[in-house]
PDB file of all heavy atoms in Angstrom:
ATOM      1  N   SER A   1    -102.621 150.314  57.749  1.00  0.00           N
ATOM      2  CA  SER A   1    -101.462 149.965  56.918  1.00  0.00           C
ATOM      3  C   SER A   1    -101.425 148.484  56.585  1.00  0.00           C
ATOM      4  O   SER A   1    -100.780 148.063  55.618  1.00  0.00           O
ATOM      5  CB  SER A   1    -100.160 150.363  57.619  1.00  0.00           C
ATOM      6  OG  SER A   1     -99.913 149.543  58.771  1.00  0.00           O
ATOM      7  N   MET A   2    -102.130 147.674  57.375  1.00  0.00           N
ATOM      8  CA  MET A   2    -102.144 146.230  57.158  1.00  0.00           C
ATOM      9  C   MET A   2    -102.729 145.866  55.790  1.00  0.00           C
ATOM     10  O   MET A   2    -102.507 144.769  55.283  1.00  0.00           O
ATOM     11  CB  MET A   2    -102.944 145.549  58.283  1.00  0.00           C
ATOM     12  CG  MET A   2    -102.739 144.065  58.410  1.00  0.00           C
ATOM     13  SD  MET A   2    -103.510 143.469  59.949  1.00  0.00           S
ATOM     14  CE  MET A   2    -103.723 141.738  59.552  1.00  0.00           C
ATOM     15  N   ALA A   3    -103.446 146.792  55.199  1.00  0.00           N
ATOM     16  CA  ALA A   3    -103.978 146.579  53.845  1.00  0.00           C
ATOM     17  C   ALA A   3    -102.859 146.368  52.834  1.00  0.00           C
ATOM     18  O   ALA A   3    -103.087 145.829  51.738  1.00  0.00           O
ATOM     19  CB  ALA A   3    -104.849 147.753  53.431  1.00  0.00           C
ATOM     20  N   ASN A   4    -101.645 146.804  53.192  1.00  0.00           N
ATOM     21  CA  ASN A   4    -100.487 146.611  52.304  1.00  0.00           C
ATOM     22  C   ASN A   4     -99.938 145.189  52.359  1.00  0.00           C
ATOM     23  O   ASN A   4     -99.087 144.828  51.537  1.00  0.00           O
ATOM     24  CB  ASN A   4     -99.369 147.588  52.673  1.00  0.00           C
ATOM     25  CG  ASN A   4     -99.758 149.032  52.473  1.00  0.00           C
ATOM     26  OD1 ASN A   4    -100.516 149.350  51.555  1.00  0.00           O
ATOM     27  ND2 ASN A   4     -99.274 149.913  53.328  1.00  0.00           N
ATOM     28  N   CYS A   5    -100.394 144.383  53.304  1.00  0.00           N
ATOM     29  CA  CYS A   5     -99.906 143.003  53.449  1.00  0.00           C
ATOM     30  C   CYS A   5    -100.641 142.102  52.459  1.00  0.00           C
ATOM     31  O   CYS A   5    -101.410 141.203  52.842  1.00  0.00           O
ATOM     32  CB  CYS A   5    -100.094 142.514  54.880  1.00  0.00           C
ATOM     33  SG  CYS A   5     -99.220 143.504  56.122  1.00  0.00           S
ATOM     34  N   THR A   6    -100.394 142.339  51.192  1.00  0.00           N
ATOM     35  CA  THR A   6    -101.178 141.688  50.144  1.00  0.00           C
ATOM     36  C   THR A   6    -100.781 140.242  49.868  1.00  0.00           C
ATOM     37  O   THR A   6    -101.384 139.588  49.027  1.00  0.00           O
ATOM     38  CB  THR A   6    -101.091 142.499  48.834  1.00  0.00           C
ATOM     39  OG1 THR A   6     -99.714 142.713  48.510  1.00  0.00           O
ATOM     40  CG2 THR A   6    -101.793 143.836  48.984  1.00  0.00           C
ATOM     41  N   ASN A   7     -99.757 139.742  50.573  1.00  0.00           N
ATOM     42  CA  ASN A   7     -99.387 138.337  50.433  1.00  0.00           C
ATOM     43  C   ASN A   7     -99.999 137.456  51.516  1.00  0.00           C
ATOM     44  O   ASN A   7     -99.770 136.245  51.527  1.00  0.00           O
ATOM     45  CB  ASN A   7     -97.864 138.176  50.440  1.00  0.00           C
ATOM     46  CG  ASN A   7     -97.237 138.573  49.116  1.00  0.00           C
ATOM     47  OD1 ASN A   7     -97.586 138.029  48.067  1.00  0.00           O
ATOM     48  ND2 ASN A   7     -96.329 139.550  49.151  1.00  0.00           N
ATOM     49  N   LEU A   8    -100.785 138.058  52.412  1.00  0.00           N
ATOM     50  CA  LEU A   8    -101.412 137.276  53.480  1.00  0.00           C
ATOM     51  C   LEU A   8    -102.339 136.216  52.906  1.00  0.00           C
ATOM     52  O   LEU A   8    -103.215 136.519  52.092  1.00  0.00           O
ATOM     53  CB  LEU A   8    -102.188 138.185  54.433  1.00  0.00           C
ATOM     54  CG  LEU A   8    -101.384 138.818  55.571  1.00  0.00           C
ATOM     55  CD1 LEU A   8    -102.218 139.850  56.315  1.00  0.00           C
ATOM     56  CD2 LEU A   8    -100.874 137.756  56.539  1.00  0.00           C
ATOM     57  N   GLU A   9    -102.172 134.983  53.373  1.00  0.00           N
ATOM     58  CA  GLU A   9    -102.995 133.864  52.936  1.00  0.00           C
ATOM     59  C   GLU A   9    -103.855 133.315  54.074  1.00  0.00           C
ATOM     60  O   GLU A   9    -104.981 132.901  53.850  1.00  0.00           O
ATOM     61  CB  GLU A   9    -102.110 132.745  52.374  1.00  0.00           C
ATOM     62  CG  GLU A   9    -101.309 133.168  51.145  1.00  0.00           C
ATOM     63  CD  GLU A   9    -100.337 132.109  50.676  1.00  0.00           C
ATOM     64  OE1 GLU A   9    -100.387 130.978  51.189  1.00  0.00           O
ATOM     65  OE2 GLU A   9     -99.513 132.396  49.805  1.00  0.00           O
ATOM     66  N   LEU A  10    -103.304 133.307  55.281  1.00  0.00           N
ATOM     67  CA  LEU A  10    -104.040 132.799  56.440  1.00  0.00           C
ATOM     68  C   LEU A  10    -103.976 133.824  57.563  1.00  0.00           C
ATOM     69  O   LEU A  10    -102.896 134.282  57.937  1.00  0.00           O
ATOM     70  CB  LEU A  10    -103.444 131.464  56.909  1.00  0.00           C
ATOM     71  CG  LEU A  10    -104.143 130.749  58.069  1.00  0.00           C
ATOM     72  CD1 LEU A  10    -104.008 129.230  57.906  1.00  0.00           C
ATOM     73  CD2 LEU A  10    -103.610 131.168  59.441  1.00  0.00           C
ATOM     74  N   VAL A  11    -105.145 134.187  58.109  1.00  0.00           N
ATOM     75  CA  VAL A  11    -105.233 135.162  59.197  1.00  0.00           C
ATOM     76  C   VAL A  11    -106.182 134.629  60.267  1.00  0.00           C
ATOM     77  O   VAL A  11    -107.330 134.277  59.977  1.00  0.00           O
ATOM     78  CB  VAL A  11    -105.733 136.536  58.698  1.00  0.00           C
ATOM     79  CG1 VAL A  11    -105.851 137.506  59.879  1.00  0.00           C
ATOM     80  CG2 VAL A  11    -104.783 137.104  57.644  1.00  0.00           C
ATOM     81  N   ARG A  12    -105.697 134.588  61.489  1.00  0.00           N
ATOM     82  CA  ARG A  12    -106.512 134.166  62.637  1.00  0.00           C
ATOM     83  C   ARG A  12    -106.733 135.373  63.559  1.00  0.00           C
ATOM     84  O   ARG A  12    -105.781 135.910  64.123  1.00  0.00           O
ATOM     85  CB  ARG A  12    -105.819 133.042  63.406  1.00  0.00           C
ATOM     86  CG  ARG A  12    -105.614 131.763  62.559  1.00  0.00           C
ATOM     87  CD  ARG A  12    -106.933 131.085  62.348  1.00  0.00           C
ATOM     88  NE  ARG A  12    -106.851 129.782  61.728  1.00  0.00           N
ATOM     89  CZ  ARG A  12    -107.345 129.492  60.531  1.00  0.00           C
ATOM     90  NH1 ARG A  12    -107.962 130.436  59.845  1.00  0.00           N
ATOM     91  NH2 ARG A  12    -107.266 128.269  60.042  1.00  0.00           N
ATOM     92  N   LEU A  13    -108.007 135.778  63.697  1.00  0.00           N
ATOM     93  CA  LEU A  13    -108.362 136.949  64.501  1.00  0.00           C
ATOM     94  C   LEU A  13    -109.391 136.634  65.577  1.00  0.00           C
ATOM     95  O   LEU A  13    -109.906 137.543  66.231  1.00  0.00           O
ATOM     96  CB  LEU A  13    -108.918 138.049  63.597  1.00  0.00           C
ATOM     97  CG  LEU A  13    -107.956 138.648  62.557  1.00  0.00           C
ATOM     98  CD1 LEU A  13    -108.720 139.506  61.568  1.00  0.00           C
ATOM     99  CD2 LEU A  13    -106.865 139.455  63.239  1.00  0.00           C
ATOM    100  N   SER A  14    -109.701 135.364  65.781  1.00  0.00           N
ATOM    101  CA  SER A  14    -110.736 134.983  66.735  1.00  0.00           C
ATOM    102  C   SER A  14    -110.348 135.352  68.161  1.00  0.00           C
ATOM    103  O   SER A  14    -109.165 135.500  68.483  1.00  0.00           O
ATOM    104  CB  SER A  14    -110.998 133.478  66.649  1.00  0.00           C
ATOM    105  OG  SER A  14    -111.429 133.119  65.353  1.00  0.00           O
ATOM    106  N   ALA A  15    -111.387 135.490  68.998  1.00  0.00           N
ATOM    107  CA  ALA A  15    -111.198 135.756  70.427  1.00  0.00           C
ATOM    108  C   ALA A  15    -110.367 137.011  70.688  1.00  0.00           C
ATOM    109  O   ALA A  15    -109.403 137.008  71.446  1.00  0.00           O
ATOM    110  CB  ALA A  15    -110.571 134.531  71.115  1.00  0.00           C
ATOM    111  N   ASN A  16    -110.751 138.110  70.035  1.00  0.00           N
ATOM    112  CA  ASN A  16    -110.190 139.422  70.306  1.00  0.00           C
ATOM    113  C   ASN A  16    -111.325 140.369  70.692  1.00  0.00           C
ATOM    114  O   ASN A  16    -112.416 139.929  71.062  1.00  0.00           O
ATOM    115  CB  ASN A  16    -109.417 139.936  69.090  1.00  0.00           C
ATOM    116  CG  ASN A  16    -107.982 139.423  69.059  1.00  0.00           C
ATOM    117  OD1 ASN A  16    -107.118 139.907  69.757  1.00  0.00           O
ATOM    118  ND2 ASN A  16    -107.732 138.408  68.231  1.00  0.00           N
ATOM    119  N   ASN A  17    -111.079 141.677  70.603  1.00  0.00           N
ATOM    120  CA  ASN A  17    -112.105 142.666  70.926  1.00  0.00           C
ATOM    121  C   ASN A  17    -112.433 143.553  69.728  1.00  0.00           C
ATOM    122  O   ASN A  17    -112.811 144.716  69.900  1.00  0.00           O
ATOM    123  CB  ASN A  17    -111.665 143.545  72.111  1.00  0.00           C
ATOM    124  CG  ASN A  17    -111.518 142.758  73.403  1.00  0.00           C
ATOM    125  OD1 ASN A  17    -112.264 141.807  73.650  1.00  0.00           O
ATOM    126  ND2 ASN A  17    -110.549 143.123  74.236  1.00  0.00           N
ATOM    127  N   LEU A  18    -112.296 143.015  68.529  1.00  0.00           N
ATOM    128  CA  LEU A  18    -112.585 143.791  67.329  1.00  0.00           C
ATOM    129  C   LEU A  18    -114.061 144.171  67.288  1.00  0.00           C
ATOM    130  O   LEU A  18    -114.934 143.366  67.610  1.00  0.00           O
ATOM    131  CB  LEU A  18    -112.220 142.982  66.079  1.00  0.00           C
ATOM    132  CG  LEU A  18    -110.740 142.596  65.914  1.00  0.00           C
ATOM    133  CD1 LEU A  18    -110.566 141.670  64.719  1.00  0.00           C
ATOM    134  CD2 LEU A  18    -109.863 143.829  65.759  1.00  0.00           C
ATOM    135  N   THR A  19    -114.322 145.400  66.869  1.00  0.00           N
ATOM    136  CA  THR A  19    -115.696 145.899  66.830  1.00  0.00           C
ATOM    137  C   THR A  19    -116.318 145.787  65.449  1.00  0.00           C
ATOM    138  O   THR A  19    -117.526 145.989  65.286  1.00  0.00           O
ATOM    139  CB  THR A  19    -115.757 147.363  67.285  1.00  0.00           C
ATOM    140  OG1 THR A  19    -114.890 148.140  66.451  1.00  0.00           O
ATOM    141  CG2 THR A  19    -115.301 147.492  68.740  1.00  0.00           C
ATOM    142  N   LYS A  20    -115.503 145.465  64.439  1.00  0.00           N
ATOM    143  CA  LYS A  20    -116.007 145.339  63.073  1.00  0.00           C
ATOM    144  C   LYS A  20    -114.986 144.606  62.211  1.00  0.00           C
ATOM    145  O   LYS A  20    -113.857 144.362  62.624  1.00  0.00           O
ATOM    146  CB  LYS A  20    -116.272 146.729  62.467  1.00  0.00           C
ATOM    147  CG  LYS A  20    -115.006 147.573  62.361  1.00  0.00           C
ATOM    148  CD  LYS A  20    -115.240 148.892  61.647  1.00  0.00           C
ATOM    149  CE  LYS A  20    -113.902 149.649  61.501  1.00  0.00           C
ATOM    150  NZ  LYS A  20    -114.038 150.874  60.711  1.00  0.00           N
ATOM    151  N   LEU A  21    -115.429 144.259  61.001  1.00  0.00           N
ATOM    152  CA  LEU A  21    -114.527 143.731  59.992  1.00  0.00           C
ATOM    153  C   LEU A  21    -114.173 144.848  59.028  1.00  0.00           C
ATOM    154  O   LEU A  21    -115.069 145.449  58.423  1.00  0.00           O
ATOM    155  CB  LEU A  21    -115.189 142.583  59.208  1.00  0.00           C
ATOM    156  CG  LEU A  21    -115.125 141.174  59.784  1.00  0.00           C
ATOM    157  CD1 LEU A  21    -115.759 140.210  58.791  1.00  0.00           C
ATOM    158  CD2 LEU A  21    -113.707 140.745  60.106  1.00  0.00           C
ATOM    159  N   ASP A  22    -112.890 145.125  58.874  1.00  0.00           N
ATOM    160  CA  ASP A  22    -112.473 146.157  57.938  1.00  0.00           C
ATOM    161  C   ASP A  22    -112.669 145.693  56.492  1.00  0.00           C
ATOM    162  O   ASP A  22    -112.353 144.540  56.153  1.00  0.00           O
ATOM    163  CB  ASP A  22    -111.011 146.518  58.163  1.00  0.00           C
ATOM    164  CG  ASP A  22    -110.789 147.207  59.497  1.00  0.00           C
ATOM    165  OD1 ASP A  22    -111.356 148.292  59.697  1.00  0.00           O
ATOM    166  OD2 ASP A  22    -110.058 146.653  60.341  1.00  0.00           O
ATOM    167  N   GLY A  23    -113.134 146.593  55.663  1.00  0.00           N
ATOM    168  CA  GLY A  23    -113.355 146.259  54.264  1.00  0.00           C
ATOM    169  C   GLY A  23    -112.102 145.803  53.551  1.00  0.00           C
ATOM    170  O   GLY A  23    -112.125 144.871  52.747  1.00  0.00           O
ATOM    171  N   TRP A  24    -110.962 146.438  53.839  1.00  0.00           N
ATOM    172  CA  TRP A  24    -109.712 146.082  53.172  1.00  0.00           C
ATOM    173  C   TRP A  24    -109.292 144.642  53.480  1.00  0.00           C
ATOM    174  O   TRP A  24    -108.661 144.001  52.642  1.00  0.00           O
ATOM    175  CB  TRP A  24    -108.585 147.049  53.540  1.00  0.00           C
ATOM    176  CG  TRP A  24    -108.288 147.170  55.013  1.00  0.00           C
ATOM    177  CD1 TRP A  24    -108.687 148.169  55.851  1.00  0.00           C
ATOM    178  CD2 TRP A  24    -107.544 146.246  55.828  1.00  0.00           C
ATOM    179  NE1 TRP A  24    -108.245 147.922  57.137  1.00  0.00           N
ATOM    180  CE2 TRP A  24    -107.534 146.759  57.137  1.00  0.00           C
ATOM    181  CE3 TRP A  24    -106.879 145.057  55.555  1.00  0.00           C
ATOM    182  CZ2 TRP A  24    -106.899 146.103  58.188  1.00  0.00           C
ATOM    183  CZ3 TRP A  24    -106.243 144.388  56.609  1.00  0.00           C
ATOM    184  CH2 TRP A  24    -106.264 144.931  57.912  1.00  0.00           C
ATOM    185  N   LEU A  25    -109.667 144.150  54.674  1.00  0.00           N
ATOM    186  CA  LEU A  25    -109.309 142.779  55.046  1.00  0.00           C
ATOM    187  C   LEU A  25    -109.946 141.780  54.082  1.00  0.00           C
ATOM    188  O   LEU A  25    -109.317 140.805  53.665  1.00  0.00           O
ATOM    189  CB  LEU A  25    -109.759 142.494  56.484  1.00  0.00           C
ATOM    190  CG  LEU A  25    -109.528 141.074  57.019  1.00  0.00           C
ATOM    191  CD1 LEU A  25    -108.034 140.767  57.115  1.00  0.00           C
ATOM    192  CD2 LEU A  25    -110.199 140.897  58.377  1.00  0.00           C
ATOM    193  N   LEU A  26    -111.176 142.028  53.722  1.00  0.00           N
ATOM    194  CA  LEU A  26    -111.917 141.129  52.843  1.00  0.00           C
ATOM    195  C   LEU A  26    -111.525 141.297  51.383  1.00  0.00           C
ATOM    196  O   LEU A  26    -112.021 140.566  50.523  1.00  0.00           O
ATOM    197  CB  LEU A  26    -113.424 141.340  53.021  1.00  0.00           C
ATOM    198  CG  LEU A  26    -113.943 141.224  54.458  1.00  0.00           C
ATOM    199  CD1 LEU A  26    -115.459 141.362  54.496  1.00  0.00           C
ATOM    200  CD2 LEU A  26    -113.514 139.908  55.097  1.00  0.00           C
ATOM    201  N   GLU A  27    -110.648 142.267  51.103  1.00  0.00           N
ATOM    202  CA  GLU A  27    -110.186 142.507  49.736  1.00  0.00           C
ATOM    203  C   GLU A  27    -108.757 142.010  49.506  1.00  0.00           C
ATOM    204  O   GLU A  27    -108.236 142.141  48.393  1.00  0.00           O
ATOM    205  CB  GLU A  27    -110.252 144.005  49.408  1.00  0.00           C
ATOM    206  CG  GLU A  27    -111.664 144.594  49.402  1.00  0.00           C
ATOM    207  CD  GLU A  27    -112.486 144.155  48.201  1.00  0.00           C
ATOM    208  OE1 GLU A  27    -111.879 143.659  47.220  1.00  0.00           O
ATOM    209  OE2 GLU A  27    -113.716 144.289  48.238  1.00  0.00           O
ATOM    210  N   LEU A  28    -108.107 141.450  50.526  1.00  0.00           N
ATOM    211  CA  LEU A  28    -106.742 140.967  50.352  1.00  0.00           C
ATOM    212  C   LEU A  28    -106.719 139.882  49.275  1.00  0.00           C
ATOM    213  O   LEU A  28    -107.420 138.878  49.382  1.00  0.00           O
ATOM    214  CB  LEU A  28    -106.184 140.427  51.675  1.00  0.00           C
ATOM    215  CG  LEU A  28    -105.928 141.472  52.772  1.00  0.00           C
ATOM    216  CD1 LEU A  28    -105.515 140.798  54.077  1.00  0.00           C
ATOM    217  CD2 LEU A  28    -104.853 142.468  52.331  1.00  0.00           C
TER     218      LEU A  28
END
């Protein structure tokens, strides 16, 4: 659902346990 956050300008995701980069994230 985070793909709906289309006003996001800055996102910090470092130092987590993510297993991949979601395609929708790179399309915001």
